Amino acid sequence: MRGLVRRVSGALGRARVPIAVVAFASIGPLVVGAVLATSGNSSALSERDRIVGAAQGSEITAAYKQNDHVPPGSVGESDGPAGVSPSARSPA
């Protein structure tokens, strides 16, 4: 068991730089966007408004507001399985 712990800790030690790079690449844009929107940047604010407007006008949000709690993935833009476009579905 000690050998396993030692190997895992060594692997994490060797991988710390790539882990930090991936964390920064994932979190960095979120922080920059939040700072820009908070500071009043018009481009960031219009993008935020577009995203929020699209989310509030979705079928999923409408169903939730009507207290219709559907299982995830059962309602979407194509009204079919998640990620499947209407043209890709077989006729009913």
PDB file of N, CA and C in Angstrom:
ATOM      1  N   MET A   1       0.823  -1.193   0.000  1.00  0.00           N
ATOM      2  CA  MET A   1       0.000   0.000   0.000  1.00  0.00           C
ATOM      3  C   MET A   1       0.867   1.257   0.000  1.00  0.00           C
ATOM      4  N   ARG A   2       1.963   1.242   0.776  1.00  0.00           N
ATOM      5  CA  ARG A   2       2.854   2.398   0.807  1.00  0.00           C
ATOM      6  C   ARG A   2       3.468   2.644  -0.567  1.00  0.00           C
ATOM      7  N   GLY A   3       3.788   1.564  -1.268  1.00  0.00           N
ATOM      8  CA  GLY A   3       4.358   1.702  -2.609  1.00  0.00           C
ATOM      9  C   GLY A   3       3.397   2.391  -3.561  1.00  0.00           C
ATOM     10  N   LEU A   4       2.123   2.063  -3.453  1.00  0.00           N
ATOM     11  CA  LEU A   4       1.110   2.692  -4.307  1.00  0.00           C
ATOM     12  C   LEU A   4       0.986   4.177  -3.986  1.00  0.00           C
ATOM     13  N   VAL A   5       0.929   4.508  -2.717  1.00  0.00           N
ATOM     14  CA  VAL A   5       0.826   5.917  -2.303  1.00  0.00           C
ATOM     15  C   VAL A   5       2.041   6.688  -2.797  1.00  0.00           C
ATOM     16  N   ARG A   6       3.213   6.093  -2.657  1.00  0.00           N
ATOM     17  CA  ARG A   6       4.451   6.744  -3.095  1.00  0.00           C
ATOM     18  C   ARG A   6       4.440   6.973  -4.607  1.00  0.00           C
ATOM     19  N   ARG A   7       3.984   5.973  -5.365  1.00  0.00           N
ATOM     20  CA  ARG A   7       3.940   6.114  -6.829  1.00  0.00           C
ATOM     21  C   ARG A   7       2.931   7.167  -7.256  1.00  0.00           C
ATOM     22  N   VAL A   8       1.758   7.178  -6.616  1.00  0.00           N
ATOM     23  CA  VAL A   8       0.729   8.173  -6.961  1.00  0.00           C
ATOM     24  C   VAL A   8       1.211   9.569  -6.608  1.00  0.00           C
ATOM     25  N   SER A   9       1.811   9.736  -5.447  1.00  0.00           N
ATOM     26  CA  SER A   9       2.293  11.058  -5.064  1.00  0.00           C
ATOM     27  C   SER A   9       3.417  11.511  -5.991  1.00  0.00           C
ATOM     28  N   GLY A  10       4.275  10.603  -6.401  1.00  0.00           N
ATOM     29  CA  GLY A  10       5.331  10.945  -7.368  1.00  0.00           C
ATOM     30  C   GLY A  10       4.758  11.345  -8.719  1.00  0.00           C
ATOM     31  N   ALA A  11       3.738  10.617  -9.169  1.00  0.00           N
ATOM     32  CA  ALA A  11       3.103  10.947 -10.452  1.00  0.00           C
ATOM     33  C   ALA A  11       2.435  12.313 -10.397  1.00  0.00           C
ATOM     34  N   LEU A  12       1.756  12.615  -9.297  1.00  0.00           N
ATOM     35  CA  LEU A  12       1.131  13.931  -9.151  1.00  0.00           C
ATOM     36  C   LEU A  12       2.178  15.039  -9.100  1.00  0.00           C
ATOM     37  N   GLY A  13       3.293  14.763  -8.461  1.00  0.00           N
ATOM     38  CA  GLY A  13       4.390  15.734  -8.410  1.00  0.00           C
ATOM     39  C   GLY A  13       4.944  16.029  -9.793  1.00  0.00           C
ATOM     40  N   ARG A  14       5.112  14.982 -10.598  1.00  0.00           N
ATOM     41  CA  ARG A  14       5.618  15.180 -11.956  1.00  0.00           C
ATOM     42  C   ARG A  14       4.596  15.862 -12.855  1.00  0.00           C
ATOM     43  N   ALA A  15       3.319  15.701 -12.555  1.00  0.00           N
ATOM     44  CA  ALA A  15       2.268  16.243 -13.420  1.00  0.00           C
ATOM     45  C   ALA A  15       1.758  17.599 -12.951  1.00  0.00           C
ATOM     46  N   ARG A  16       2.395  18.208 -11.961  1.00  0.00           N
ATOM     47  CA  ARG A  16       1.848  19.451 -11.408  1.00  0.00           C
ATOM     48  C   ARG A  16       1.814  20.589 -12.416  1.00  0.00           C
ATOM     49  N   VAL A  17       2.813  20.698 -13.283  1.00  0.00           N
ATOM     50  CA  VAL A  17       2.811  21.783 -14.278  1.00  0.00           C
ATOM     51  C   VAL A  17       1.687  21.577 -15.301  1.00  0.00           C
ATOM     52  N   PRO A  18       1.543  20.404 -15.903  1.00  0.00           N
ATOM     53  CA  PRO A  18       0.415  20.229 -16.824  1.00  0.00           C
ATOM     54  C   PRO A  18      -0.945  20.413 -16.153  1.00  0.00           C
ATOM     55  N   ILE A  19      -1.071  19.990 -14.905  1.00  0.00           N
ATOM     56  CA  ILE A  19      -2.332  20.186 -14.181  1.00  0.00           C
ATOM     57  C   ILE A  19      -2.607  21.669 -14.015  1.00  0.00           C
ATOM     58  N   ALA A  20      -1.592  22.444 -13.664  1.00  0.00           N
ATOM     59  CA  ALA A  20      -1.758  23.893 -13.495  1.00  0.00           C
ATOM     60  C   ALA A  20      -2.106  24.567 -14.817  1.00  0.00           C
ATOM     61  N   VAL A  21      -1.506  24.122 -15.914  1.00  0.00           N
ATOM     62  CA  VAL A  21      -1.799  24.709 -17.224  1.00  0.00           C
ATOM     63  C   VAL A  21      -3.254  24.451 -17.615  1.00  0.00           C
ATOM     64  N   VAL A  22      -3.725  23.248 -17.423  1.00  0.00           N
ATOM     65  CA  VAL A  22      -5.107  22.918 -17.763  1.00  0.00           C
ATOM     66  C   VAL A  22      -6.075  23.684 -16.862  1.00  0.00           C
ATOM     67  N   ALA A  23      -5.761  23.802 -15.600  1.00  0.00           N
ATOM     68  CA  ALA A  23      -6.616  24.560 -14.681  1.00  0.00           C
ATOM     69  C   ALA A  23      -6.695  26.021 -15.106  1.00  0.00           C
ATOM     70  N   PHE A  24      -5.560  26.613 -15.452  1.00  0.00           N
ATOM     71  CA  PHE A  24      -5.564  28.012 -15.884  1.00  0.00           C
ATOM     72  C   PHE A  24      -6.318  28.170 -17.202  1.00  0.00           C
ATOM     73  N   ALA A  25      -6.139  27.236 -18.132  1.00  0.00           N
ATOM     74  CA  ALA A  25      -6.835  27.313 -19.418  1.00  0.00           C
ATOM     75  C   ALA A  25      -8.341  27.166 -19.240  1.00  0.00           C
ATOM     76  N   SER A  26      -8.766  26.457 -18.224  1.00  0.00           N
ATOM     77  CA  SER A  26     -10.193  26.270 -17.977  1.00  0.00           C
ATOM     78  C   SER A  26     -10.801  27.424 -17.198  1.00  0.00           C
ATOM     79  N   ILE A  27     -10.100  27.892 -16.184  1.00  0.00           N
ATOM     80  CA  ILE A  27     -10.642  28.907 -15.288  1.00  0.00           C
ATOM     81  C   ILE A  27     -10.328  30.324 -15.766  1.00  0.00           C
ATOM     82  N   GLY A  28      -9.219  30.505 -16.453  1.00  0.00           N
ATOM     83  CA  GLY A  28      -8.797  31.828 -16.909  1.00  0.00           C
ATOM     84  C   GLY A  28      -9.861  32.586 -17.697  1.00  0.00           C
ATOM     85  N   PRO A  29     -10.427  31.995 -18.752  1.00  0.00           N
ATOM     86  CA  PRO A  29     -11.451  32.709 -19.521  1.00  0.00           C
ATOM     87  C   PRO A  29     -12.692  33.069 -18.706  1.00  0.00           C
ATOM     88  N   LEU A  30     -13.062  32.223 -17.754  1.00  0.00           N
ATOM     89  CA  LEU A  30     -14.207  32.541 -16.898  1.00  0.00           C
ATOM     90  C   LEU A  30     -13.932  33.773 -16.045  1.00  0.00           C
ATOM     91  N   VAL A  31     -12.737  33.845 -15.488  1.00  0.00           N
ATOM     92  CA  VAL A  31     -12.374  34.991 -14.658  1.00  0.00           C
ATOM     93  C   VAL A  31     -12.306  36.260 -15.501  1.00  0.00           C
ATOM     94  N   VAL A  32     -11.690  36.170 -16.669  1.00  0.00           N
ATOM     95  CA  VAL A  32     -11.592  37.340 -17.555  1.00  0.00           C
ATOM     96  C   VAL A  32     -12.984  37.812 -17.953  1.00  0.00           C
ATOM     97  N   GLY A  33     -13.871  36.905 -18.320  1.00  0.00           N
ATOM     98  CA  GLY A  33     -15.238  37.280 -18.690  1.00  0.00           C
ATOM     99  C   GLY A  33     -15.991  37.923 -17.542  1.00  0.00           C
ATOM    100  N   ALA A  34     -15.831  37.395 -16.353  1.00  0.00           N
ATOM    101  CA  ALA A  34     -16.504  37.971 -15.185  1.00  0.00           C
ATOM    102  C   ALA A  34     -15.978  39.371 -14.891  1.00  0.00           C
ATOM    103  N   VAL A  35     -14.678  39.554 -15.004  1.00  0.00           N
ATOM    104  CA  VAL A  35     -14.093  40.877 -14.762  1.00  0.00           C
ATOM    105  C   VAL A  35     -14.576  41.862 -15.816  1.00  0.00           C
ATOM    106  N   LEU A  36     -14.597  41.450 -17.076  1.00  0.00           N
ATOM    107  CA  LEU A  36     -15.046  42.352 -18.141  1.00  0.00           C
ATOM    108  C   LEU A  36     -16.512  42.733 -17.964  1.00  0.00           C
ATOM    109  N   ALA A  37     -17.355  41.765 -17.649  1.00  0.00           N
ATOM    110  CA  ALA A  37     -18.779  42.062 -17.464  1.00  0.00           C
ATOM    111  C   ALA A  37     -19.009  42.937 -16.247  1.00  0.00           C
ATOM    112  N   THR A  38     -18.270  42.687 -15.182  1.00  0.00           N
ATOM    113  CA  THR A  38     -18.411  43.479 -13.964  1.00  0.00           C
ATOM    114  C   THR A  38     -17.928  44.907 -14.169  1.00  0.00           C
ATOM    115  N   SER A  39     -16.909  45.072 -14.999  1.00  0.00           N
ATOM    116  CA  SER A  39     -16.360  46.408 -15.224  1.00  0.00           C
ATOM    117  C   SER A  39     -17.194  47.215 -16.211  1.00  0.00           C
ATOM    118  N   GLY A  40     -18.194  46.576 -16.838  1.00  0.00           N
ATOM    119  CA  GLY A  40     -19.090  47.305 -17.729  1.00  0.00           C
ATOM    120  C   GLY A  40     -18.690  47.270 -19.186  1.00  0.00           C
ATOM    121  N   ASN A  41     -17.824  46.363 -19.585  1.00  0.00           N
ATOM    122  CA  ASN A  41     -17.428  46.229 -20.981  1.00  0.00           C
ATOM    123  C   ASN A  41     -18.652  45.899 -21.824  1.00  0.00           C
ATOM    124  N   SER A  42     -18.943  46.727 -22.836  1.00  0.00           N
ATOM    125  CA  SER A  42     -20.188  46.569 -23.596  1.00  0.00           C
ATOM    126  C   SER A  42     -20.240  45.249 -24.358  1.00  0.00           C
ATOM    127  N   SER A  43     -19.123  44.802 -24.873  1.00  0.00           N
ATOM    128  CA  SER A  43     -19.102  43.529 -25.594  1.00  0.00           C
ATOM    129  C   SER A  43     -19.417  42.362 -24.655  1.00  0.00           C
ATOM    130  N   ALA A  44     -18.806  42.387 -23.467  1.00  0.00           N
ATOM    131  CA  ALA A  44     -19.051  41.320 -22.491  1.00  0.00           C
ATOM    132  C   ALA A  44     -20.490  41.357 -21.996  1.00  0.00           C
ATOM    133  N   LEU A  45     -21.024  42.559 -21.791  1.00  0.00           N
ATOM    134  CA  LEU A  45     -22.407  42.672 -21.321  1.00  0.00           C
ATOM    135  C   LEU A  45     -23.402  42.191 -22.368  1.00  0.00           C
ATOM    136  N   SER A  46     -23.155  42.505 -23.642  1.00  0.00           N
ATOM    137  CA  SER A  46     -24.083  42.045 -24.678  1.00  0.00           C
ATOM    138  C   SER A  46     -24.026  40.529 -24.840  1.00  0.00           C
ATOM    139  N   GLU A  47     -22.835  39.955 -24.698  1.00  0.00           N
ATOM    140  CA  GLU A  47     -22.711  38.487 -24.765  1.00  0.00           C
ATOM    141  C   GLU A  47     -23.424  37.843 -23.578  1.00  0.00           C
ATOM    142  N   ARG A  48     -23.263  38.420 -22.390  1.00  0.00           N
ATOM    143  CA  ARG A  48     -23.955  37.911 -21.203  1.00  0.00           C
ATOM    144  C   ARG A  48     -25.468  37.978 -21.393  1.00  0.00           C
ATOM    145  N   ASP A  49     -25.954  39.114 -21.909  1.00  0.00           N
ATOM    146  CA  ASP A  49     -27.392  39.272 -22.121  1.00  0.00           C
ATOM    147  C   ASP A  49     -27.922  38.278 -23.152  1.00  0.00           C
ATOM    148  N   ARG A  50     -27.113  37.996 -24.184  1.00  0.00           N
ATOM    149  CA  ARG A  50     -27.524  37.022 -25.209  1.00  0.00           C
ATOM    150  C   ARG A  50     -27.633  35.628 -24.599  1.00  0.00           C
ATOM    151  N   ILE A  51     -26.658  35.252 -23.793  1.00  0.00           N
ATOM    152  CA  ILE A  51     -26.657  33.919 -23.179  1.00  0.00           C
ATOM    153  C   ILE A  51     -27.811  33.779 -22.194  1.00  0.00           C
ATOM    154  N   VAL A  52     -28.019  34.790 -21.357  1.00  0.00           N
ATOM    155  CA  VAL A  52     -29.097  34.734 -20.372  1.00  0.00           C
ATOM    156  C   VAL A  52     -30.453  34.723 -21.069  1.00  0.00           C
ATOM    157  N   GLY A  53     -30.611  35.535 -22.117  1.00  0.00           N
ATOM    158  CA  GLY A  53     -31.872  35.565 -22.859  1.00  0.00           C
ATOM    159  C   GLY A  53     -32.191  34.226 -23.501  1.00  0.00           C
ATOM    160  N   ALA A  54     -31.168  33.594 -24.074  1.00  0.00           N
ATOM    161  CA  ALA A  54     -31.377  32.287 -24.693  1.00  0.00           C
ATOM    162  C   ALA A  54     -31.748  31.244 -23.644  1.00  0.00           C
ATOM    163  N   ALA A  55     -31.119  31.328 -22.480  1.00  0.00           N
ATOM    164  CA  ALA A  55     -31.414  30.357 -21.424  1.00  0.00           C
ATOM    165  C   ALA A  55     -32.824  30.555 -20.878  1.00  0.00           C
ATOM    166  N   GLN A  56     -33.253  31.801 -20.735  1.00  0.00           N
ATOM    167  CA  GLN A  56     -34.581  32.058 -20.183  1.00  0.00           C
ATOM    168  C   GLN A  56     -35.686  31.746 -21.180  1.00  0.00           C
ATOM    169  N   GLY A  57     -35.368  31.723 -22.467  1.00  0.00           N
ATOM    170  CA  GLY A  57     -36.376  31.435 -23.469  1.00  0.00           C
ATOM    171  C   GLY A  57     -36.386  29.987 -23.924  1.00  0.00           C
ATOM    172  N   SER A  58     -35.617  29.123 -23.268  1.00  0.00           N
ATOM    173  CA  SER A  58     -35.529  27.738 -23.710  1.00  0.00           C
ATOM    174  C   SER A  58     -36.740  26.920 -23.261  1.00  0.00           C
ATOM    175  N   GLU A  59     -36.964  25.827 -23.946  1.00  0.00           N
ATOM    176  CA  GLU A  59     -38.066  24.915 -23.593  1.00  0.00           C
ATOM    177  C   GLU A  59     -37.865  24.332 -22.198  1.00  0.00           C
ATOM    178  N   ILE A  60     -36.619  24.092 -21.844  1.00  0.00           N
ATOM    179  CA  ILE A  60     -36.322  23.493 -20.553  1.00  0.00           C
ATOM    180  C   ILE A  60     -36.694  24.459 -19.430  1.00  0.00           C
ATOM    181  N   THR A  61     -36.339  25.744 -19.595  1.00  0.00           N
ATOM    182  CA  THR A  61     -36.671  26.736 -18.572  1.00  0.00           C
ATOM    183  C   THR A  61     -38.173  26.929 -18.485  1.00  0.00           C
ATOM    184  N   ALA A  62     -38.862  26.938 -19.626  1.00  0.00           N
ATOM    185  CA  ALA A  62     -40.319  27.091 -19.619  1.00  0.00           C
ATOM    186  C   ALA A  62     -40.976  25.928 -18.875  1.00  0.00           C
ATOM    187  N   ALA A  63     -40.509  24.714 -19.107  1.00  0.00           N
ATOM    188  CA  ALA A  63     -41.062  23.548 -18.419  1.00  0.00           C
ATOM    189  C   ALA A  63     -40.798  23.641 -16.920  1.00  0.00           C
ATOM    190  N   TYR A  64     -39.615  24.103 -16.542  1.00  0.00           N
ATOM    191  CA  TYR A  64     -39.283  24.224 -15.124  1.00  0.00           C
ATOM    192  C   TYR A  64     -40.176  25.262 -14.453  1.00  0.00           C
ATOM    193  N   LYS A  65     -40.426  26.384 -15.124  1.00  0.00           N
ATOM    194  CA  LYS A  65     -41.265  27.435 -14.542  1.00  0.00           C
ATOM    195  C   LYS A  65     -42.710  26.978 -14.370  1.00  0.00           C
ATOM    196  N   GLN A  66     -43.137  25.998 -15.157  1.00  0.00           N
ATOM    197  CA  GLN A  66     -44.481  25.451 -15.026  1.00  0.00           C
ATOM    198  C   GLN A  66     -44.494  24.275 -14.054  1.00  0.00           C
ATOM    199  N   ASN A  67     -43.409  24.119 -13.292  1.00  0.00           N
ATOM    200  CA  ASN A  67     -43.258  23.051 -12.319  1.00  0.00           C
ATOM    201  C   ASN A  67     -43.294  21.668 -12.963  1.00  0.00           C
ATOM    202  N   ASP A  68     -42.862  21.611 -14.213  1.00  0.00           N
ATOM    203  CA  ASP A  68     -42.795  20.344 -14.942  1.00  0.00           C
ATOM    204  C   ASP A  68     -41.327  19.913 -14.952  1.00  0.00           C
ATOM    205  N   HIS A  69     -40.926  19.196 -13.909  1.00  0.00           N
ATOM    206  CA  HIS A  69     -39.532  18.796 -13.764  1.00  0.00           C
ATOM    207  C   HIS A  69     -39.299  17.510 -14.557  1.00  0.00           C
ATOM    208  N   VAL A  70     -38.819  17.691 -15.774  1.00  0.00           N
ATOM    209  CA  VAL A  70     -38.580  16.568 -16.668  1.00  0.00           C
ATOM    210  C   VAL A  70     -37.165  16.036 -16.469  1.00  0.00           C
ATOM    211  N   PRO A  71     -36.935  14.792 -16.810  1.00  0.00           N
ATOM    212  CA  PRO A  71     -35.580  14.241 -16.684  1.00  0.00           C
ATOM    213  C   PRO A  71     -34.624  14.962 -17.633  1.00  0.00           C
ATOM    214  N   PRO A  72     -33.359  15.140 -17.237  1.00  0.00           N
ATOM    215  CA  PRO A  72     -32.392  15.800 -18.102  1.00  0.00           C
ATOM    216  C   PRO A  72     -32.275  15.101 -19.447  1.00  0.00           C
ATOM    217  N   GLY A  73     -32.208  15.877 -20.495  1.00  0.00           N
ATOM    218  CA  GLY A  73     -32.033  15.333 -21.830  1.00  0.00           C
ATOM    219  C   GLY A  73     -33.325  14.956 -22.518  1.00  0.00           C
ATOM    220  N   SER A  74     -34.459  15.029 -21.827  1.00  0.00           N
ATOM    221  CA  SER A  74     -35.702  14.624 -22.476  1.00  0.00           C
ATOM    222  C   SER A  74     -36.356  15.778 -23.226  1.00  0.00           C
ATOM    223  N   VAL A  75     -35.930  17.010 -22.971  1.00  0.00           N
ATOM    224  CA  VAL A  75     -36.454  18.170 -23.682  1.00  0.00           C
ATOM    225  C   VAL A  75     -35.274  18.947 -24.221  1.00  0.00           C
ATOM    226  N   GLY A  76     -35.367  19.355 -25.452  1.00  0.00           N
ATOM    227  CA  GLY A  76     -34.294  20.142 -26.041  1.00  0.00           C
ATOM    228  C   GLY A  76     -34.774  20.842 -27.285  1.00  0.00           C
ATOM    229  N   GLU A  77     -33.867  21.521 -27.962  1.00  0.00           N
ATOM    230  CA  GLU A  77     -34.249  22.278 -29.134  1.00  0.00           C
ATOM    231  C   GLU A  77     -34.794  21.390 -30.250  1.00  0.00           C
ATOM    232  N   SER A  78     -34.226  20.202 -30.387  1.00  0.00           N
ATOM    233  CA  SER A  78     -34.690  19.318 -31.446  1.00  0.00           C
ATOM    234  C   SER A  78     -35.873  18.474 -30.990  1.00  0.00           C
ATOM    235  N   ASP A  79     -36.206  18.566 -29.702  1.00  0.00           N
ATOM    236  CA  ASP A  79     -37.267  17.770 -29.099  1.00  0.00           C
ATOM    237  C   ASP A  79     -37.023  16.294 -29.322  1.00  0.00           C
ATOM    238  N   GLY A  80     -35.779  15.922 -29.358  1.00  0.00           N
ATOM    239  CA  GLY A  80     -35.385  14.528 -29.536  1.00  0.00           C
ATOM    240  C   GLY A  80     -34.237  14.216 -28.612  1.00  0.00           C
ATOM    241  N   PRO A  81     -33.558  13.102 -28.842  1.00  0.00           N
ATOM    242  CA  PRO A  81     -32.425  12.757 -27.995  1.00  0.00           C
ATOM    243  C   PRO A  81     -31.367  13.848 -28.034  1.00  0.00           C
ATOM    244  N   ALA A  82     -30.708  14.078 -26.916  1.00  0.00           N
ATOM    245  CA  ALA A  82     -29.710  15.139 -26.824  1.00  0.00           C
ATOM    246  C   ALA A  82     -28.628  14.957 -27.874  1.00  0.00           C
ATOM    247  N   GLY A  83     -28.318  16.030 -28.573  1.00  0.00           N
ATOM    248  CA  GLY A  83     -27.249  16.008 -29.562  1.00  0.00           C
ATOM    249  C   GLY A  83     -27.641  15.459 -30.911  1.00  0.00           C
ATOM    250  N   VAL A  84     -28.888  15.078 -31.108  1.00  0.00           N
ATOM    251  CA  VAL A  84     -29.340  14.531 -32.386  1.00  0.00           C
ATOM    252  C   VAL A  84     -30.196  15.573 -33.087  1.00  0.00           C
ATOM    253  N   SER A  85     -29.765  15.981 -34.268  1.00  0.00           N
ATOM    254  CA  SER A  85     -30.529  17.005 -34.991  1.00  0.00           C
ATOM    255  C   SER A  85     -31.817  16.396 -35.554  1.00  0.00           C
ATOM    256  N   PRO A  86     -32.843  17.226 -35.786  1.00  0.00           N
ATOM    257  CA  PRO A  86     -34.108  16.687 -36.308  1.00  0.00           C
ATOM    258  C   PRO A  86     -33.943  15.958 -37.639  1.00  0.00           C
ATOM    259  N   SER A  87     -33.025  16.409 -38.483  1.00  0.00           N
ATOM    260  CA  SER A  87     -32.832  15.767 -39.782  1.00  0.00           C
ATOM    261  C   SER A  87     -32.172  14.407 -39.657  1.00  0.00           C
ATOM    262  N   ALA A  88     -31.458  14.166 -38.544  1.00  0.00           N
ATOM    263  CA  ALA A  88     -30.763  12.903 -38.358  1.00  0.00           C
ATOM    264  C   ALA A  88     -31.650  11.815 -37.759  1.00  0.00           C
ATOM    265  N   ARG A  89     -32.809  12.228 -37.228  1.00  0.00           N
ATOM    266  CA  ARG A  89     -33.693  11.230 -36.620  1.00  0.00           C
ATOM    267  C   ARG A  89     -34.455  10.488 -37.693  1.00  0.00           C
ATOM    268  N   SER A  90     -34.800   9.270 -37.390  1.00  0.00           N
ATOM    269  CA  SER A  90     -35.615   8.488 -38.331  1.00  0.00           C
ATOM    270  C   SER A  90     -37.067   8.937 -38.228  1.00  0.00           C
ATOM    271  N   PRO A  91     -37.815   8.864 -39.309  1.00  0.00           N
ATOM    272  CA  PRO A  91     -39.220   9.284 -39.268  1.00  0.00           C
ATOM    273  C   PRO A  91     -40.010   8.421 -38.295  1.00  0.00           C
ATOM    274  N   ALA A  92     -40.972   9.032 -37.628  1.00  0.00           N
ATOM    275  CA  ALA A  92     -41.775   8.311 -36.648  1.00  0.00           C
ATOM    276  C   ALA A  92     -42.831   7.467 -37.306  1.00  0.00           C
TER     277      ALA A  92
END
